[in-house]
Amino acid sequence: MEKTKRSKAKAVEADAAKIAVSYRNYLLTEGKQPASVFKFCKENGFNETEFYQHFASFDAIEKSIWKKYVTDTISSMTADASYQSFGAREKILTFYFMLAELLKEDRSFVLLQFKSWKNPSVVPPFLKGFKSEFNEWLNQVLNEGKGSGEIAKRPILDQRYDLIFWFHLMFVLQFWIHDESPNFESLQLCQYRHR
C-alpha cells in the first residue's frame, strides 16, 4: 500500500513538473502568458482537469516555480555535510551564492519575470511562496545565531530581520540580473570579498 502511495505521489509531481516546464517554455517563446488554460492544455497535450489538479491558474505555476527555486537551494545546502558547521553569516552567504547558481540555469525565465517588476518595496505575486519559504529558513538560521551568540539580540531589529534580509536578497537578485560580466562573475567576486 505504501509503495502505491509513493508511486502515485511521484506521478503527480511528474505531471505538475511537466505542466510547469511547458508553461515556462511557452512564456520564454511567446513572452506572455497563454490566452487561456484551455488553449495551453490543448497545445501541450494536457486536459484541463489534469491542469487544475495541480494548479489553479498560470500565476499559481509561477509561484510554484519560484518556491521550488528556494526549496531546491535549501535542500542542496543542507545536503552538504559542512553546512551544519557554518555560522549564520556563512549560511546566508551560501544561500545567496547557491541561489544565483541555480537561477543561472533559468536566467531567461528569471529576467522575463523581473522585467515588469519596478517597485522593490512590493513583493511581486510570483515571489510570494518564495518569500515565505525564504523567511522560514532565514528565521531558523537567525534563531540559531541568536542562540549561539553570533547574532546579538536587539529588541527593535529582531522583529525586522526578515524584512531587512528580504531587501538584501532582492538587492542581490537585482545585482545579478544587471550583471553583464562573463559567467556573472561580479556577484561571485562580491560574495568572495564578504567571506
Protein backbone atom coordinates (compact mmCIF):
# COMPACT_ATOMS: atom_id res chain seq x y z
CA MET A 1 0.00 0.00 0.00
CA GLU A 2 2.81 2.41 0.92
CA LYS A 3 4.56 1.71 -2.39
CA THR A 4 1.38 2.54 -4.33
CA LYS A 5 1.01 5.87 -2.49
CA ARG A 6 4.62 6.76 -3.27
CA SER A 7 4.29 5.90 -6.97
CA LYS A 8 1.07 7.97 -7.21
CA ALA A 9 2.76 10.91 -5.46
CA LYS A 10 5.72 10.71 -7.85
CA ALA A 11 3.35 10.60 -10.84
CA VAL A 12 1.51 13.67 -9.55
CA GLU A 13 4.83 15.51 -9.05
CA ALA A 14 5.95 14.49 -12.54
CA ASP A 15 2.69 15.75 -14.07
CA ALA A 16 2.96 19.06 -12.20
CA ALA A 17 6.60 19.39 -13.24
CA LYS A 18 5.68 18.65 -16.86
CA ILE A 19 2.99 21.33 -16.83
CA ALA A 20 5.40 23.83 -15.22
CA VAL A 21 8.11 23.11 -17.83
CA SER A 22 5.59 23.50 -20.66
CA TYR A 23 4.39 26.77 -19.17
CA ARG A 24 7.92 28.11 -18.73
CA ASN A 25 8.75 27.18 -22.33
CA TYR A 26 5.60 28.95 -23.54
CA LEU A 27 6.49 32.10 -21.60
CA LEU A 28 10.03 32.10 -22.97
CA THR A 29 8.97 31.64 -26.60
CA GLU A 30 5.88 33.88 -26.55
CA GLY A 31 6.90 36.45 -23.91
CA LYS A 32 3.49 36.38 -22.22
CA GLN A 33 1.05 34.05 -20.51
CA PRO A 34 -1.12 31.83 -22.73
CA ALA A 35 -4.50 33.22 -23.76
CA SER A 36 -6.37 30.55 -21.81
CA VAL A 37 -5.84 27.35 -19.84
CA PHE A 38 -7.85 25.50 -22.49
CA LYS A 39 -5.59 26.65 -25.33
CA PHE A 40 -2.43 25.97 -23.32
CA CYS A 41 -3.57 22.45 -22.43
CA LYS A 42 -4.61 21.66 -25.98
CA GLU A 43 -1.26 22.80 -27.39
CA ASN A 44 0.67 20.74 -24.82
CA GLY A 45 -1.37 17.53 -24.73
CA PHE A 46 -2.94 18.01 -21.28
CA ASN A 47 -6.59 18.21 -20.45
CA GLU A 48 -7.95 20.99 -18.27
CA THR A 49 -8.86 18.60 -15.49
CA GLU A 50 -5.25 17.46 -15.27
CA PHE A 51 -4.08 21.07 -15.22
CA TYR A 52 -6.47 22.05 -12.42
CA GLN A 53 -5.47 19.04 -10.32
CA HIS A 54 -2.10 20.75 -9.91
CA PHE A 55 -2.61 24.48 -10.45
CA ALA A 56 -5.48 26.93 -10.11
CA SER A 57 -4.01 29.38 -12.62
CA PHE A 58 -0.91 30.38 -14.56
CA ASP A 59 0.07 32.62 -11.65
CA ALA A 60 0.00 29.55 -9.41
CA ILE A 61 2.50 27.84 -11.73
CA GLU A 62 4.83 30.84 -11.49
CA LYS A 63 4.60 30.79 -7.70
CA SER A 64 5.39 27.07 -7.62
CA ILE A 65 8.42 27.53 -9.89
CA TRP A 66 9.83 30.25 -7.63
CA LYS A 67 9.04 28.33 -4.46
CA LYS A 68 10.92 25.37 -5.93
CA TYR A 69 13.98 27.57 -6.51
CA VAL A 70 14.23 28.35 -2.82
CA THR A 71 13.40 24.81 -1.62
CA ASP A 72 15.94 23.32 -4.05
CA THR A 73 18.58 25.80 -2.85
CA ILE A 74 17.93 24.92 0.79
CA SER A 75 17.97 21.19 0.01
CA SER A 76 21.30 21.48 -1.80
CA MET A 77 22.86 23.44 1.05
CA THR A 78 21.64 21.18 3.83
CA ALA A 79 22.78 18.08 1.94
CA ASP A 80 26.37 19.28 2.27
CA ALA A 81 27.92 17.93 5.49
CA SER A 82 29.90 21.12 6.13
CA TYR A 83 26.73 23.27 6.11
CA GLN A 84 25.93 22.32 9.71
CA SER A 85 29.25 23.78 10.89
CA PHE A 86 28.57 27.15 9.26
CA GLY A 87 27.57 30.18 11.28
CA ALA A 88 24.55 32.29 10.36
CA ARG A 89 26.57 34.63 8.15
CA GLU A 90 28.11 31.77 6.14
CA LYS A 91 24.73 30.06 5.76
CA ILE A 92 23.12 33.22 4.40
CA LEU A 93 26.01 33.93 2.01
CA THR A 94 25.93 30.31 0.87
CA PHE A 95 22.21 30.63 0.21
CA TYR A 96 22.75 33.72 -1.96
CA PHE A 97 25.55 32.07 -3.92
CA MET A 98 23.74 28.77 -4.45
CA LEU A 99 20.51 30.51 -5.42
CA ALA A 100 22.38 32.57 -8.02
CA GLU A 101 23.96 29.39 -9.39
CA LEU A 102 20.56 27.70 -9.60
CA LEU A 103 18.93 30.72 -11.24
CA LYS A 104 21.74 30.88 -13.79
CA GLU A 105 20.29 27.72 -15.35
CA ASP A 106 16.97 29.56 -15.84
CA ARG A 107 18.28 33.09 -16.42
CA SER A 108 15.99 33.85 -19.38
CA PHE A 109 12.93 32.95 -17.33
CA VAL A 110 14.14 34.98 -14.32
CA LEU A 111 14.81 38.03 -16.50
CA LEU A 112 11.37 37.75 -18.06
CA GLN A 113 9.70 37.51 -14.66
CA PHE A 114 11.55 40.52 -13.24
CA LYS A 115 11.11 42.61 -16.38
CA SER A 116 7.77 44.01 -15.24
CA TRP A 117 8.72 44.38 -11.56
CA LYS A 118 9.52 48.01 -10.90
CA ASN A 119 8.81 48.59 -7.20
CA PRO A 120 11.23 46.71 -4.90
CA SER A 121 9.11 47.53 -1.83
CA VAL A 122 6.21 45.47 -3.21
CA VAL A 123 6.61 41.72 -3.43
CA PRO A 124 5.58 40.56 -6.91
CA PRO A 125 2.89 37.86 -6.83
CA PHE A 126 5.20 35.21 -8.30
CA LEU A 127 7.58 35.60 -5.32
CA LYS A 128 5.04 35.17 -2.50
CA GLY A 129 5.72 31.45 -1.91
CA PHE A 130 9.43 32.04 -2.45
CA LYS A 131 9.41 34.76 0.23
CA SER A 132 7.58 32.65 2.81
CA GLU A 133 9.98 29.71 2.29
CA PHE A 134 12.98 32.05 2.47
CA ASN A 135 11.67 33.70 5.65
CA GLU A 136 11.03 30.34 7.30
CA TRP A 137 14.57 29.19 6.57
CA LEU A 138 16.08 32.58 7.48
CA ASN A 139 14.30 32.75 10.85
CA GLN A 140 15.63 29.30 11.70
CA VAL A 141 19.18 30.42 10.84
CA LEU A 142 18.78 33.67 12.77
CA ASN A 143 17.43 31.85 15.83
CA GLU A 144 20.41 29.50 15.75
CA GLY A 145 22.70 32.54 15.50
CA LYS A 146 21.00 34.22 18.46
CA GLY A 147 21.24 31.01 20.46
CA SER A 148 24.97 30.69 19.79
CA GLY A 149 25.59 34.39 20.50
CA GLU A 150 26.72 35.06 16.93
CA ILE A 151 23.77 37.41 16.46
CA ALA A 152 23.12 39.96 19.17
CA LYS A 153 19.58 40.27 20.44
CA ARG A 154 18.27 43.72 19.56
CA PRO A 155 14.67 44.32 20.64
CA ILE A 156 13.77 46.68 17.80
CA LEU A 157 15.71 44.97 14.99
CA ASP A 158 14.78 41.42 16.00
CA GLN A 159 11.30 41.92 14.61
CA ARG A 160 12.64 43.36 11.35
CA TYR A 161 15.47 40.97 10.48
CA ASP A 162 13.39 39.02 7.99
CA LEU A 163 12.40 42.24 6.20
CA ILE A 164 15.99 43.50 6.20
CA PHE A 165 17.30 40.25 4.77
CA TRP A 166 14.44 40.13 2.23
CA PHE A 167 15.52 43.53 0.88
CA HIS A 168 19.11 42.34 0.95
CA LEU A 169 18.17 39.28 -1.12
CA MET A 170 16.23 41.46 -3.57
CA PHE A 171 19.30 43.70 -3.91
CA VAL A 172 21.47 40.62 -4.63
CA LEU A 173 18.95 39.42 -7.25
CA GLN A 174 18.81 42.85 -8.89
CA PHE A 175 22.61 42.99 -8.94
CA TRP A 176 22.72 39.53 -10.56
CA ILE A 177 20.02 40.45 -13.08
CA HIS A 178 22.00 43.50 -14.20
CA ASP A 179 25.40 41.78 -14.07
CA GLU A 180 26.98 41.84 -17.53
CA SER A 181 30.26 40.16 -16.61
CA PRO A 182 31.11 36.82 -18.27
CA ASN A 183 29.52 33.95 -16.38
CA PHE A 184 28.17 36.58 -13.95
CA GLU A 185 31.45 36.64 -12.06
CA SER A 186 30.82 40.05 -10.46
CA LEU A 187 28.40 38.51 -7.96
CA GLN A 188 30.85 35.73 -7.17
CA LEU A 189 33.61 38.28 -6.53
CA CYS A 190 31.34 40.31 -4.22
CA GLN A 191 30.45 37.21 -2.23
CA TYR A 192 34.09 36.14 -2.04
CA ARG A 193 35.09 39.53 -0.59
CA HIS A 194 32.47 39.21 2.16
CA ARG A 195 33.81 35.92 3.47
